[in-house]
């Protein structure tokens, strides 16, 4: 089964902390390499938290910053004024033809790519 959804960092954090009121979509899921970096680079991350994140990362596809992703990220940043991490996430979704699952209201409002949100508890 092919990946069809890219998870934004906030969705992953809500999922890992048990704050989602809805389940993640069924099937293979992907994240951008920027999400991987954001998840693993929190200054207060302890060993247990890192283990939880690494277990999650082993269950999703991490999409790298390849040429088409870079081009789409640059275009999203220039056209929509996105912060660089958001532009990379949007560029990843765009370059791979994925919908973006995010609770970032700015990204949902801008609709740079198809976006969906999940309710929180």
PDB file of N, CA and C in Angstrom:
ATOM      1  N   UNK A   1       0.851  -1.180   0.000  1.00  0.00           N
ATOM      2  CA  UNK A   1       0.000   0.000   0.000  1.00  0.00           C
ATOM      3  C   UNK A   1       0.893   1.238   0.000  1.00  0.00           C
ATOM      4  N   UNK A   2       0.585   2.195  -0.819  1.00  0.00           N
ATOM      5  CA  UNK A   2       1.391   3.410  -0.953  1.00  0.00           C
ATOM      6  C   UNK A   2       1.042   4.413   0.143  1.00  0.00           C
ATOM      7  N   UNK A   3       2.025   5.205   0.512  1.00  0.00           N
ATOM      8  CA  UNK A   3       1.825   6.281   1.479  1.00  0.00           C
ATOM      9  C   UNK A   3       0.968   7.360   0.826  1.00  0.00           C
ATOM     10  N   UNK A   4      -0.005   7.895   1.566  1.00  0.00           N
ATOM     11  CA  UNK A   4      -0.837   8.962   1.007  1.00  0.00           C
ATOM     12  C   UNK A   4      -0.921  10.173   1.933  1.00  0.00           C
ATOM     13  N   UNK A   5      -0.392  10.035   3.165  1.00  0.00           N
ATOM     14  CA  UNK A   5      -0.504  11.108   4.152  1.00  0.00           C
ATOM     15  C   UNK A   5       0.864  11.417   4.749  1.00  0.00           C
ATOM     16  N   UNK A   6       1.149  12.715   4.847  1.00  0.00           N
ATOM     17  CA  UNK A   6       2.348  13.191   5.516  1.00  0.00           C
ATOM     18  C   UNK A   6       1.920  13.806   6.848  1.00  0.00           C
ATOM     19  N   UNK A   7       2.523  13.363   7.929  1.00  0.00           N
ATOM     20  CA  UNK A   7       2.194  13.882   9.251  1.00  0.00           C
ATOM     21  C   UNK A   7       3.095  15.069   9.582  1.00  0.00           C
ATOM     22  N   UNK A   8       2.492  16.167  10.012  1.00  0.00           N
ATOM     23  CA  UNK A   8       3.257  17.315  10.478  1.00  0.00           C
ATOM     24  C   UNK A   8       3.741  17.017  11.903  1.00  0.00           C
ATOM     25  N   UNK A   9       4.741  17.743  12.344  1.00  0.00           N
ATOM     26  CA  UNK A   9       5.333  17.513  13.661  1.00  0.00           C
ATOM     27  C   UNK A   9       4.294  17.617  14.771  1.00  0.00           C
ATOM     28  N   UNK A  10       3.388  18.586  14.690  1.00  0.00           N
ATOM     29  CA  UNK A  10       2.410  18.750  15.763  1.00  0.00           C
ATOM     30  C   UNK A  10       1.492  17.543  15.888  1.00  0.00           C
ATOM     31  N   UNK A  11       1.123  16.936  14.792  1.00  0.00           N
ATOM     32  CA  UNK A  11       0.278  15.739  14.840  1.00  0.00           C
ATOM     33  C   UNK A  11       1.024  14.597  15.518  1.00  0.00           C
ATOM     34  N   UNK A  12       2.301  14.429  15.191  1.00  0.00           N
ATOM     35  CA  UNK A  12       3.098  13.368  15.821  1.00  0.00           C
ATOM     36  C   UNK A  12       3.192  13.607  17.319  1.00  0.00           C
ATOM     37  N   UNK A  13       3.455  14.840  17.725  1.00  0.00           N
ATOM     38  CA  UNK A  13       3.554  15.152  19.150  1.00  0.00           C
ATOM     39  C   UNK A  13       2.230  14.898  19.872  1.00  0.00           C
ATOM     40  N   UNK A  14       1.113  15.293  19.253  1.00  0.00           N
ATOM     41  CA  UNK A  14      -0.192  15.034  19.858  1.00  0.00           C
ATOM     42  C   UNK A  14      -0.449  13.535  19.957  1.00  0.00           C
ATOM     43  N   UNK A  15      -0.087  12.794  18.924  1.00  0.00           N
ATOM     44  CA  UNK A  15      -0.266  11.344  18.926  1.00  0.00           C
ATOM     45  C   UNK A  15       0.555  10.705  20.045  1.00  0.00           C
ATOM     46  N   UNK A  16       1.828  11.057  20.125  1.00  0.00           N
ATOM     47  CA  UNK A  16       2.712  10.445  21.115  1.00  0.00           C
ATOM     48  C   UNK A  16       2.323  10.807  22.548  1.00  0.00           C
ATOM     49  N   UNK A  17       1.707  11.957  22.731  1.00  0.00           N
ATOM     50  CA  UNK A  17       1.292  12.369  24.078  1.00  0.00           C
ATOM     51  C   UNK A  17      -0.143  11.965  24.405  1.00  0.00           C
ATOM     52  N   UNK A  18      -0.806  11.255  23.482  1.00  0.00           N
ATOM     53  CA  UNK A  18      -2.172  10.787  23.736  1.00  0.00           C
ATOM     54  C   UNK A  18      -3.216  11.883  23.692  1.00  0.00           C
ATOM     55  N   UNK A  19      -2.935  12.972  23.003  1.00  0.00           N
ATOM     56  CA  UNK A  19      -3.859  14.105  22.960  1.00  0.00           C
ATOM     57  C   UNK A  19      -4.810  14.095  21.773  1.00  0.00           C
ATOM     58  N   UNK A  20      -4.667  13.147  20.836  1.00  0.00           N
ATOM     59  CA  UNK A  20      -5.572  13.101  19.683  1.00  0.00           C
ATOM     60  C   UNK A  20      -6.896  12.460  20.079  1.00  0.00           C
ATOM     61  N   UNK A  21      -7.987  13.090  19.676  1.00  0.00           N
ATOM     62  CA  UNK A  21      -9.316  12.530  19.904  1.00  0.00           C
ATOM     63  C   UNK A  21      -9.730  11.619  18.760  1.00  0.00           C
ATOM     64  N   UNK A  22      -8.966  11.654  17.677  1.00  0.00           N
ATOM     65  CA  UNK A  22      -9.221  10.822  16.504  1.00  0.00           C
ATOM     66  C   UNK A  22      -7.971   9.989  16.232  1.00  0.00           C
ATOM     67  N   UNK A  23      -8.146   8.811  15.630  1.00  0.00           N
ATOM     68  CA  UNK A  23      -6.960   8.001  15.313  1.00  0.00           C
ATOM     69  C   UNK A  23      -6.215   8.550  14.099  1.00  0.00           C
ATOM     70  N   UNK A  24      -4.953   8.182  14.001  1.00  0.00           N
ATOM     71  CA  UNK A  24      -4.208   8.466  12.780  1.00  0.00           C
ATOM     72  C   UNK A  24      -4.815   7.646  11.653  1.00  0.00           C
ATOM     73  N   UNK A  25      -4.669   8.084  10.417  1.00  0.00           N
ATOM     74  CA  UNK A  25      -5.195   7.289   9.294  1.00  0.00           C
ATOM     75  C   UNK A  25      -4.578   5.890   9.279  1.00  0.00           C
ATOM     76  N   UNK A  26      -5.343   4.949   8.797  1.00  0.00           N
ATOM     77  CA  UNK A  26      -4.875   3.573   8.669  1.00  0.00           C
ATOM     78  C   UNK A  26      -3.994   3.476   7.439  1.00  0.00           C
ATOM     79  N   UNK A  27      -2.939   2.709   7.537  1.00  0.00           N
ATOM     80  CA  UNK A  27      -2.058   2.496   6.389  1.00  0.00           C
ATOM     81  C   UNK A  27      -0.711   3.144   6.598  1.00  0.00           C
ATOM     82  N   UNK A  28       0.151   2.993   5.613  1.00  0.00           N
ATOM     83  CA  UNK A  28       1.492   3.563   5.722  1.00  0.00           C
ATOM     84  C   UNK A  28       1.447   5.087   5.839  1.00  0.00           C
ATOM     85  N   UNK A  29       2.254   5.615   6.749  1.00  0.00           N
ATOM     86  CA  UNK A  29       2.318   7.054   6.976  1.00  0.00           C
ATOM     87  C   UNK A  29       3.745   7.533   6.740  1.00  0.00           C
ATOM     88  N   UNK A  30       3.879   8.817   6.450  1.00  0.00           N
ATOM     89  CA  UNK A  30       5.200   9.393   6.213  1.00  0.00           C
ATOM     90  C   UNK A  30       5.352  10.675   7.003  1.00  0.00           C
ATOM     91  N   UNK A  31       6.620  11.047   7.234  1.00  0.00           N
ATOM     92  CA  UNK A  31       6.965  12.336   7.805  1.00  0.00           C
ATOM     93  C   UNK A  31       8.117  12.912   6.981  1.00  0.00           C
ATOM     94  N   UNK A  32       8.280  14.202   7.079  1.00  0.00           N
ATOM     95  CA  UNK A  32       9.419  14.865   6.453  1.00  0.00           C
ATOM     96  C   UNK A  32      10.641  14.689   7.345  1.00  0.00           C
ATOM     97  N   UNK A  33      11.813  14.733   6.741  1.00  0.00           N
ATOM     98  CA  UNK A  33      13.047  14.676   7.522  1.00  0.00           C
ATOM     99  C   UNK A  33      13.093  15.827   8.522  1.00  0.00           C
ATOM    100  N   UNK A  34      12.471  16.968   8.222  1.00  0.00           N
ATOM    101  CA  UNK A  34      12.456  18.083   9.164  1.00  0.00           C
ATOM    102  C   UNK A  34      11.675  17.713  10.416  1.00  0.00           C
ATOM    103  N   UNK A  35      10.609  16.924  10.279  1.00  0.00           N
ATOM    104  CA  UNK A  35       9.855  16.461  11.444  1.00  0.00           C
ATOM    105  C   UNK A  35      10.716  15.537  12.288  1.00  0.00           C
ATOM    106  N   UNK A  36      11.454  14.651  11.631  1.00  0.00           N
ATOM    107  CA  UNK A  36      12.365  13.772  12.374  1.00  0.00           C
ATOM    108  C   UNK A  36      13.354  14.610  13.189  1.00  0.00           C
ATOM    109  N   UNK A  37      13.939  15.616  12.557  1.00  0.00           N
ATOM    110  CA  UNK A  37      14.907  16.472  13.244  1.00  0.00           C
ATOM    111  C   UNK A  37      14.261  17.242  14.395  1.00  0.00           C
ATOM    112  N   UNK A  38      13.062  17.766  14.159  1.00  0.00           N
ATOM    113  CA  UNK A  38      12.367  18.512  15.213  1.00  0.00           C
ATOM    114  C   UNK A  38      12.052  17.603  16.401  1.00  0.00           C
ATOM    115  N   UNK A  39      11.580  16.401  16.130  1.00  0.00           N
ATOM    116  CA  UNK A  39      11.223  15.479  17.209  1.00  0.00           C
ATOM    117  C   UNK A  39      12.430  15.101  18.062  1.00  0.00           C
ATOM    118  N   UNK A  40      13.555  14.863  17.421  1.00  0.00           N
ATOM    119  CA  UNK A  40      14.734  14.375  18.144  1.00  0.00           C
ATOM    120  C   UNK A  40      15.586  15.494  18.745  1.00  0.00           C
ATOM    121  N   UNK A  41      15.300  16.744  18.438  1.00  0.00           N
ATOM    122  CA  UNK A  41      16.174  17.818  18.888  1.00  0.00           C
ATOM    123  C   UNK A  41      15.619  18.658  20.030  1.00  0.00           C
ATOM    124  N   UNK A  42      14.511  18.259  20.636  1.00  0.00           N
ATOM    125  CA  UNK A  42      14.000  19.004  21.781  1.00  0.00           C
ATOM    126  C   UNK A  42      15.035  18.972  22.894  1.00  0.00           C
ATOM    127  N   UNK A  43      15.428  20.147  23.404  1.00  0.00           N
ATOM    128  CA  UNK A  43      16.475  20.192  24.427  1.00  0.00           C
ATOM    129  C   UNK A  43      16.153  19.380  25.687  1.00  0.00           C
ATOM    130  N   UNK A  44      14.895  19.321  26.092  1.00  0.00           N
ATOM    131  CA  UNK A  44      14.522  18.614  27.322  1.00  0.00           C
ATOM    132  C   UNK A  44      14.173  17.142  27.091  1.00  0.00           C
ATOM    133  N   UNK A  45      14.464  16.614  25.915  1.00  0.00           N
ATOM    134  CA  UNK A  45      14.119  15.223  25.596  1.00  0.00           C
ATOM    135  C   UNK A  45      14.942  14.274  26.464  1.00  0.00           C
ATOM    136  N   UNK A  46      14.238  13.422  27.210  1.00  0.00           N
ATOM    137  CA  UNK A  46      14.941  12.446  28.043  1.00  0.00           C
ATOM    138  C   UNK A  46      15.057  11.120  27.300  1.00  0.00           C
ATOM    139  N   UNK A  47      15.734  10.149  27.907  1.00  0.00           N
ATOM    140  CA  UNK A  47      15.987   8.859  27.256  1.00  0.00           C
ATOM    141  C   UNK A  47      14.689   8.131  26.932  1.00  0.00           C
ATOM    142  N   UNK A  48      13.709   8.174  27.825  1.00  0.00           N
ATOM    143  CA  UNK A  48      12.432   7.497  27.574  1.00  0.00           C
ATOM    144  C   UNK A  48      11.695   8.144  26.412  1.00  0.00           C
ATOM    145  N   UNK A  49      11.699   9.472  26.385  1.00  0.00           N
ATOM    146  CA  UNK A  49      11.049  10.185  25.281  1.00  0.00           C
ATOM    147  C   UNK A  49      11.721   9.903  23.960  1.00  0.00           C
ATOM    148  N   UNK A  50      13.046   9.870  23.960  1.00  0.00           N
ATOM    149  CA  UNK A  50      13.775   9.565  22.731  1.00  0.00           C
ATOM    150  C   UNK A  50      13.475   8.150  22.253  1.00  0.00           C
ATOM    151  N   UNK A  51      13.368   7.223  23.173  1.00  0.00           N
ATOM    152  CA  UNK A  51      13.042   5.842  22.813  1.00  0.00           C
ATOM    153  C   UNK A  51      11.657   5.756  22.178  1.00  0.00           C
ATOM    154  N   UNK A  52      10.708   6.475  22.755  1.00  0.00           N
ATOM    155  CA  UNK A  52       9.343   6.499  22.208  1.00  0.00           C
ATOM    156  C   UNK A  52       9.351   7.079  20.795  1.00  0.00           C
ATOM    157  N   UNK A  53      10.077   8.160  20.602  1.00  0.00           N
ATOM    158  CA  UNK A  53      10.154   8.799  19.285  1.00  0.00           C
ATOM    159  C   UNK A  53      10.823   7.866  18.279  1.00  0.00           C
ATOM    160  N   UNK A  54      11.916   7.238  18.676  1.00  0.00           N
ATOM    161  CA  UNK A  54      12.624   6.340  17.748  1.00  0.00           C
ATOM    162  C   UNK A  54      11.761   5.130  17.379  1.00  0.00           C
ATOM    163  N   UNK A  55      10.967   4.634  18.311  1.00  0.00           N
ATOM    164  CA  UNK A  55      10.044   3.543  17.997  1.00  0.00           C
ATOM    165  C   UNK A  55       9.023   4.012  16.970  1.00  0.00           C
ATOM    166  N   UNK A  56       8.465   5.206  17.169  1.00  0.00           N
ATOM    167  CA  UNK A  56       7.520   5.764  16.207  1.00  0.00           C
ATOM    168  C   UNK A  56       8.181   5.926  14.844  1.00  0.00           C
ATOM    169  N   UNK A  57       9.390   6.481  14.817  1.00  0.00           N
ATOM    170  CA  UNK A  57      10.096   6.710  13.552  1.00  0.00           C
ATOM    171  C   UNK A  57      10.334   5.412  12.791  1.00  0.00           C
ATOM    172  N   UNK A  58      10.497   4.320  13.512  1.00  0.00           N
ATOM    173  CA  UNK A  58      10.723   3.030  12.847  1.00  0.00           C
ATOM    174  C   UNK A  58       9.461   2.515  12.161  1.00  0.00           C
ATOM    175  N   UNK A  59       8.320   3.136  12.451  1.00  0.00           N
ATOM    176  CA  UNK A  59       7.039   2.670  11.914  1.00  0.00           C
ATOM    177  C   UNK A  59       6.495   3.560  10.799  1.00  0.00           C
ATOM    178  N   UNK A  60       7.218   4.629  10.448  1.00  0.00           N
ATOM    179  CA  UNK A  60       6.789   5.532   9.381  1.00  0.00           C
ATOM    180  C   UNK A  60       7.906   5.659   8.355  1.00  0.00           C
ATOM    181  N   UNK A  61       7.554   6.180   7.199  1.00  0.00           N
ATOM    182  CA  UNK A  61       8.544   6.475   6.168  1.00  0.00           C
ATOM    183  C   UNK A  61       9.033   7.902   6.367  1.00  0.00           C
ATOM    184  N   UNK A  62      10.347   8.078   6.442  1.00  0.00           N
ATOM    185  CA  UNK A  62      10.930   9.411   6.563  1.00  0.00           C
ATOM    186  C   UNK A  62      11.389   9.835   5.165  1.00  0.00           C
ATOM    187  N   UNK A  63      10.799  10.919   4.667  1.00  0.00           N
ATOM    188  CA  UNK A  63      11.098  11.402   3.320  1.00  0.00           C
ATOM    189  C   UNK A  63      12.183  12.467   3.370  1.00  0.00           C
ATOM    190  N   UNK A  64      13.252  12.233   2.638  1.00  0.00           N
ATOM    191  CA  UNK A  64      14.414  13.117   2.647  1.00  0.00           C
ATOM    192  C   UNK A  64      14.194  14.392   1.848  1.00  0.00           C
ATOM    193  N   UNK A  65      15.181  15.248   1.938  1.00  0.00           N
ATOM    194  CA  UNK A  65      15.156  16.554   1.291  1.00  0.00           C
ATOM    195  C   UNK A  65      15.790  16.446  -0.093  1.00  0.00           C
ATOM    196  N   UNK A  66      15.127  15.725  -0.979  1.00  0.00           N
ATOM    197  CA  UNK A  66      15.606  15.513  -2.347  1.00  0.00           C
ATOM    198  C   UNK A  66      15.290  16.735  -3.210  1.00  0.00           C
ATOM    199  N   UNK A  67      15.835  16.759  -4.421  1.00  0.00           N
ATOM    200  CA  UNK A  67      15.677  17.887  -5.339  1.00  0.00           C
ATOM    201  C   UNK A  67      14.272  18.436  -5.475  1.00  0.00           C
ATOM    202  N   UNK A  68      13.283  17.602  -5.837  1.00  0.00           N
ATOM    203  CA  UNK A  68      11.919  18.125  -5.991  1.00  0.00           C
ATOM    204  C   UNK A  68      11.347  18.694  -4.689  1.00  0.00           C
ATOM    205  N   UNK A  69      11.733  18.111  -3.560  1.00  0.00           N
ATOM    206  CA  UNK A  69      11.265  18.626  -2.269  1.00  0.00           C
ATOM    207  C   UNK A  69      11.859  20.012  -2.031  1.00  0.00           C
ATOM    208  N   UNK A  70      13.147  20.160  -2.304  1.00  0.00           N
ATOM    209  CA  UNK A  70      13.795  21.466  -2.126  1.00  0.00           C
ATOM    210  C   UNK A  70      13.136  22.514  -3.019  1.00  0.00           C
ATOM    211  N   UNK A  71      12.890  22.169  -4.270  1.00  0.00           N
ATOM    212  CA  UNK A  71      12.256  23.112  -5.193  1.00  0.00           C
ATOM    213  C   UNK A  71      10.872  23.520  -4.705  1.00  0.00           C
ATOM    214  N   UNK A  72      10.088  22.554  -4.258  1.00  0.00           N
ATOM    215  CA  UNK A  72       8.736  22.846  -3.769  1.00  0.00           C
ATOM    216  C   UNK A  72       8.785  23.654  -2.471  1.00  0.00           C
ATOM    217  N   UNK A  73       9.762  23.384  -1.609  1.00  0.00           N
ATOM    218  CA  UNK A  73       9.911  24.139  -0.360  1.00  0.00           C
ATOM    219  C   UNK A  73      10.268  25.596  -0.643  1.00  0.00           C
ATOM    220  N   UNK A  74      11.184  25.811  -1.569  1.00  0.00           N
ATOM    221  CA  UNK A  74      11.566  27.173  -1.950  1.00  0.00           C
ATOM    222  C   UNK A  74      10.355  27.916  -2.509  1.00  0.00           C
ATOM    223  N   UNK A  75       9.601  27.264  -3.368  1.00  0.00           N
ATOM    224  CA  UNK A  75       8.414  27.900  -3.957  1.00  0.00           C
ATOM    225  C   UNK A  75       7.379  28.227  -2.876  1.00  0.00           C
ATOM    226  N   UNK A  76       7.155  27.304  -1.938  1.00  0.00           N
ATOM    227  CA  UNK A  76       6.175  27.541  -0.863  1.00  0.00           C
ATOM    228  C   UNK A  76       6.616  28.693   0.034  1.00  0.00           C
ATOM    229  N   UNK A  77       7.897  28.752   0.330  1.00  0.00           N
ATOM    230  CA  UNK A  77       8.408  29.834   1.181  1.00  0.00           C
ATOM    231  C   UNK A  77       8.286  31.178   0.481  1.00  0.00           C
ATOM    232  N   UNK A  78       8.668  31.234  -0.775  1.00  0.00           N
ATOM    233  CA  UNK A  78       8.607  32.497  -1.525  1.00  0.00           C
ATOM    234  C   UNK A  78       7.172  32.948  -1.762  1.00  0.00           C
ATOM    235  N   UNK A  79       6.327  32.026  -2.172  1.00  0.00           N
ATOM    236  CA  UNK A  79       4.955  32.361  -2.539  1.00  0.00           C
ATOM    237  C   UNK A  79       4.061  32.636  -1.336  1.00  0.00           C
ATOM    238  N   UNK A  80       4.231  31.854  -0.266  1.00  0.00           N
ATOM    239  CA  UNK A  80       3.292  31.932   0.859  1.00  0.00           C
ATOM    240  C   UNK A  80       3.911  32.472   2.137  1.00  0.00           C
ATOM    241  N   UNK A  81       5.210  32.806   2.104  1.00  0.00           N
ATOM    242  CA  UNK A  81       5.851  33.393   3.278  1.00  0.00           C
ATOM    243  C   UNK A  81       5.948  32.451   4.467  1.00  0.00           C
ATOM    244  N   UNK A  82       6.062  31.157   4.196  1.00  0.00           N
ATOM    245  CA  UNK A  82       6.139  30.183   5.281  1.00  0.00           C
ATOM    246  C   UNK A  82       7.512  30.199   5.933  1.00  0.00           C
ATOM    247  N   UNK A  83       7.552  29.850   7.215  1.00  0.00           N
ATOM    248  CA  UNK A  83       8.835  29.638   7.886  1.00  0.00           C
ATOM    249  C   UNK A  83       9.497  28.444   7.212  1.00  0.00           C
ATOM    250  N   UNK A  84      10.818  28.402   7.231  1.00  0.00           N
ATOM    251  CA  UNK A  84      11.540  27.360   6.511  1.00  0.00           C
ATOM    252  C   UNK A  84      11.122  25.940   6.908  1.00  0.00           C
ATOM    253  N   UNK A  85      10.985  25.602   8.211  1.00  0.00           N
ATOM    254  CA  UNK A  85      10.547  24.233   8.535  1.00  0.00           C
ATOM    255  C   UNK A  85       9.172  23.901   7.934  1.00  0.00           C
ATOM    256  N   UNK A  86       8.236  24.859   8.012  1.00  0.00           N
ATOM    257  CA  UNK A  86       6.904  24.627   7.428  1.00  0.00           C
ATOM    258  C   UNK A  86       6.991  24.487   5.914  1.00  0.00           C
ATOM    259  N   UNK A  87       7.837  25.297   5.286  1.00  0.00           N
ATOM    260  CA  UNK A  87       7.999  25.213   3.837  1.00  0.00           C
ATOM    261  C   UNK A  87       8.563  23.852   3.431  1.00  0.00           C
ATOM    262  N   UNK A  88       9.468  23.307   4.231  1.00  0.00           N
ATOM    263  CA  UNK A  88      10.031  21.982   3.924  1.00  0.00           C
ATOM    264  C   UNK A  88       8.964  20.908   4.067  1.00  0.00           C
ATOM    265  N   UNK A  89       8.148  20.987   5.110  1.00  0.00           N
ATOM    266  CA  UNK A  89       7.069  20.005   5.290  1.00  0.00           C
ATOM    267  C   UNK A  89       6.081  20.102   4.135  1.00  0.00           C
ATOM    268  N   UNK A  90       5.653  21.317   3.803  1.00  0.00           N
ATOM    269  CA  UNK A  90       4.715  21.515   2.692  1.00  0.00           C
ATOM    270  C   UNK A  90       5.350  21.071   1.380  1.00  0.00           C
ATOM    271  N   UNK A  91       6.615  21.415   1.182  1.00  0.00           N
ATOM    272  CA  UNK A  91       7.323  21.001  -0.030  1.00  0.00           C
ATOM    273  C   UNK A  91       7.422  19.491  -0.148  1.00  0.00           C
ATOM    274  N   UNK A  92       7.610  18.821   0.981  1.00  0.00           N
ATOM    275  CA  UNK A  92       7.662  17.351   0.984  1.00  0.00           C
ATOM    276  C   UNK A  92       6.321  16.775   0.558  1.00  0.00           C
ATOM    277  N   UNK A  93       5.237  17.300   1.136  1.00  0.00           N
ATOM    278  CA  UNK A  93       3.898  16.827   0.761  1.00  0.00           C
ATOM    279  C   UNK A  93       3.638  17.080  -0.712  1.00  0.00           C
ATOM    280  N   UNK A  94       3.959  18.273  -1.164  1.00  0.00           N
ATOM    281  CA  UNK A  94       3.710  18.644  -2.557  1.00  0.00           C
ATOM    282  C   UNK A  94       4.510  17.771  -3.527  1.00  0.00           C
ATOM    283  N   UNK A  95       5.803  17.621  -3.270  1.00  0.00           N
ATOM    284  CA  UNK A  95       6.667  16.865  -4.185  1.00  0.00           C
ATOM    285  C   UNK A  95       6.282  15.394  -4.269  1.00  0.00           C
ATOM    286  N   UNK A  96       5.699  14.861  -3.204  1.00  0.00           N
ATOM    287  CA  UNK A  96       5.324  13.443  -3.187  1.00  0.00           C
ATOM    288  C   UNK A  96       3.834  13.213  -3.428  1.00  0.00           C
ATOM    289  N   UNK A  97       3.083  14.282  -3.684  1.00  0.00           N
ATOM    290  CA  UNK A  97       1.648  14.150  -3.947  1.00  0.00           C
ATOM    291  C   UNK A  97       0.863  13.646  -2.755  1.00  0.00           C
ATOM    292  N   UNK A  98       1.252  14.082  -1.551  1.00  0.00           N
ATOM    293  CA  UNK A  98       0.608  13.611  -0.322  1.00  0.00           C
ATOM    294  C   UNK A  98      -0.269  14.700   0.277  1.00  0.00           C
ATOM    295  N   UNK A  99      -1.305  14.295   0.984  1.00  0.00           N
ATOM    296  CA  UNK A  99      -2.053  15.272   1.770  1.00  0.00           C
ATOM    297  C   UNK A  99      -1.315  15.440   3.096  1.00  0.00           C
ATOM    298  N   UNK A 100      -1.425  16.616   3.678  1.00  0.00           N
ATOM    299  CA  UNK A 100      -0.726  16.956   4.912  1.00  0.00           C
ATOM    300  C   UNK A 100      -1.708  16.917   6.070  1.00  0.00           C
ATOM    301  N   UNK A 101      -1.380  16.133   7.073  1.00  0.00           N
ATOM    302  CA  UNK A 101      -2.181  16.064   8.285  1.00  0.00           C
ATOM    303  C   UNK A 101      -1.513  16.978   9.303  1.00  0.00           C
ATOM    304  N   UNK A 102      -2.148  18.110   9.613  1.00  0.00           N
ATOM    305  CA  UNK A 102      -1.568  19.119  10.494  1.00  0.00           C
ATOM    306  C   UNK A 102      -2.648  19.826  11.289  1.00  0.00           C
ATOM    307  N   UNK A 103      -2.285  20.286  12.465  1.00  0.00           N
ATOM    308  CA  UNK A 103      -3.176  21.145  13.235  1.00  0.00           C
ATOM    309  C   UNK A 103      -2.630  22.565  13.289  1.00  0.00           C
ATOM    310  N   UNK A 104      -1.705  22.889  12.399  1.00  0.00           N
ATOM    311  CA  UNK A 104      -1.171  24.233  12.270  1.00  0.00           C
ATOM    312  C   UNK A 104      -2.191  25.045  11.473  1.00  0.00           C
ATOM    313  N   UNK A 105      -2.898  25.927  12.158  1.00  0.00           N
ATOM    314  CA  UNK A 105      -3.983  26.674  11.524  1.00  0.00           C
ATOM    315  C   UNK A 105      -3.519  27.514  10.349  1.00  0.00           C
ATOM    316  N   UNK A 106      -2.286  28.032  10.405  1.00  0.00           N
ATOM    317  CA  UNK A 106      -1.770  28.822   9.276  1.00  0.00           C
ATOM    318  C   UNK A 106      -1.674  27.974   8.022  1.00  0.00           C
ATOM    319  N   UNK A 107      -1.166  26.747   8.167  1.00  0.00           N
ATOM    320  CA  UNK A 107      -1.035  25.868   6.997  1.00  0.00           C
ATOM    321  C   UNK A 107      -2.401  25.436   6.479  1.00  0.00           C
ATOM    322  N   UNK A 108      -3.328  25.187   7.383  1.00  0.00           N
ATOM    323  CA  UNK A 108      -4.681  24.807   6.963  1.00  0.00           C
ATOM    324  C   UNK A 108      -5.340  25.966   6.213  1.00  0.00           C
ATOM    325  N   UNK A 109      -5.211  27.176   6.738  1.00  0.00           N
ATOM    326  CA  UNK A 109      -5.808  28.357   6.093  1.00  0.00           C
ATOM    327  C   UNK A 109      -5.209  28.624   4.719  1.00  0.00           C
ATOM    328  N   UNK A 110      -3.900  28.504   4.609  1.00  0.00           N
ATOM    329  CA  UNK A 110      -3.224  28.826   3.341  1.00  0.00           C
ATOM    330  C   UNK A 110      -3.506  27.796   2.258  1.00  0.00           C
ATOM    331  N   UNK A 111      -3.792  26.544   2.653  1.00  0.00           N
ATOM    332  CA  UNK A 111      -4.088  25.477   1.687  1.00  0.00           C
ATOM    333  C   UNK A 111      -3.057  25.420   0.559  1.00  0.00           C
ATOM    334  N   UNK A 112      -1.765  25.465   0.925  1.00  0.00           N
ATOM    335  CA  UNK A 112      -0.699  25.342  -0.061  1.00  0.00           C
ATOM    336  C   UNK A 112      -0.746  23.949  -0.684  1.00  0.00           C
ATOM    337  N   UNK A 113      -1.044  22.960   0.143  1.00  0.00           N
ATOM    338  CA  UNK A 113      -1.297  21.586  -0.300  1.00  0.00           C
ATOM    339  C   UNK A 113      -2.584  21.143   0.378  1.00  0.00           C
ATOM    340  N   UNK A 114      -3.133  20.027  -0.058  1.00  0.00           N
ATOM    341  CA  UNK A 114      -4.331  19.494   0.610  1.00  0.00           C
ATOM    342  C   UNK A 114      -3.980  19.215   2.063  1.00  0.00           C
ATOM    343  N   UNK A 115      -4.775  19.776   2.985  1.00  0.00           N
ATOM    344  CA  UNK A 115      -4.524  19.569   4.403  1.00  0.00           C
ATOM    345  C   UNK A 115      -5.775  19.057   5.098  1.00  0.00           C
ATOM    346  N   UNK A 116      -5.520  18.325   6.168  1.00  0.00           N
ATOM    347  CA  UNK A 116      -6.579  17.862   7.060  1.00  0.00           C
ATOM    348  C   UNK A 116      -6.074  18.042   8.482  1.00  0.00           C
ATOM    349  N   UNK A 117      -6.992  18.175   9.418  1.00  0.00           N
ATOM    350  CA  UNK A 117      -6.652  18.300  10.831  1.00  0.00           C
ATOM    351  C   UNK A 117      -7.330  17.180  11.609  1.00  0.00           C
ATOM    352  N   UNK A 118      -6.872  16.951  12.829  1.00  0.00           N
ATOM    353  CA  UNK A 118      -7.499  15.993  13.730  1.00  0.00           C
ATOM    354  C   UNK A 118      -7.899  16.712  15.021  1.00  0.00           C
ATOM    355  N   UNK A 119      -9.039  16.311  15.560  1.00  0.00           N
ATOM    356  CA  UNK A 119      -9.513  16.890  16.820  1.00  0.00           C
ATOM    357  C   UNK A 119      -8.624  16.443  17.974  1.00  0.00           C
ATOM    358  N   UNK A 120      -8.480  17.331  18.946  1.00  0.00           N
ATOM    359  CA  UNK A 120      -7.727  17.017  20.150  1.00  0.00           C
ATOM    360  C   UNK A 120      -8.684  16.734  21.297  1.00  0.00           C
ATOM    361  N   UNK A 121      -8.189  16.016  22.287  1.00  0.00           N
ATOM    362  CA  UNK A 121      -8.986  15.713  23.486  1.00  0.00           C
ATOM    363  C   UNK A 121      -9.107  16.958  24.326  1.00  0.00           C
TER     364      UNK A 121
END
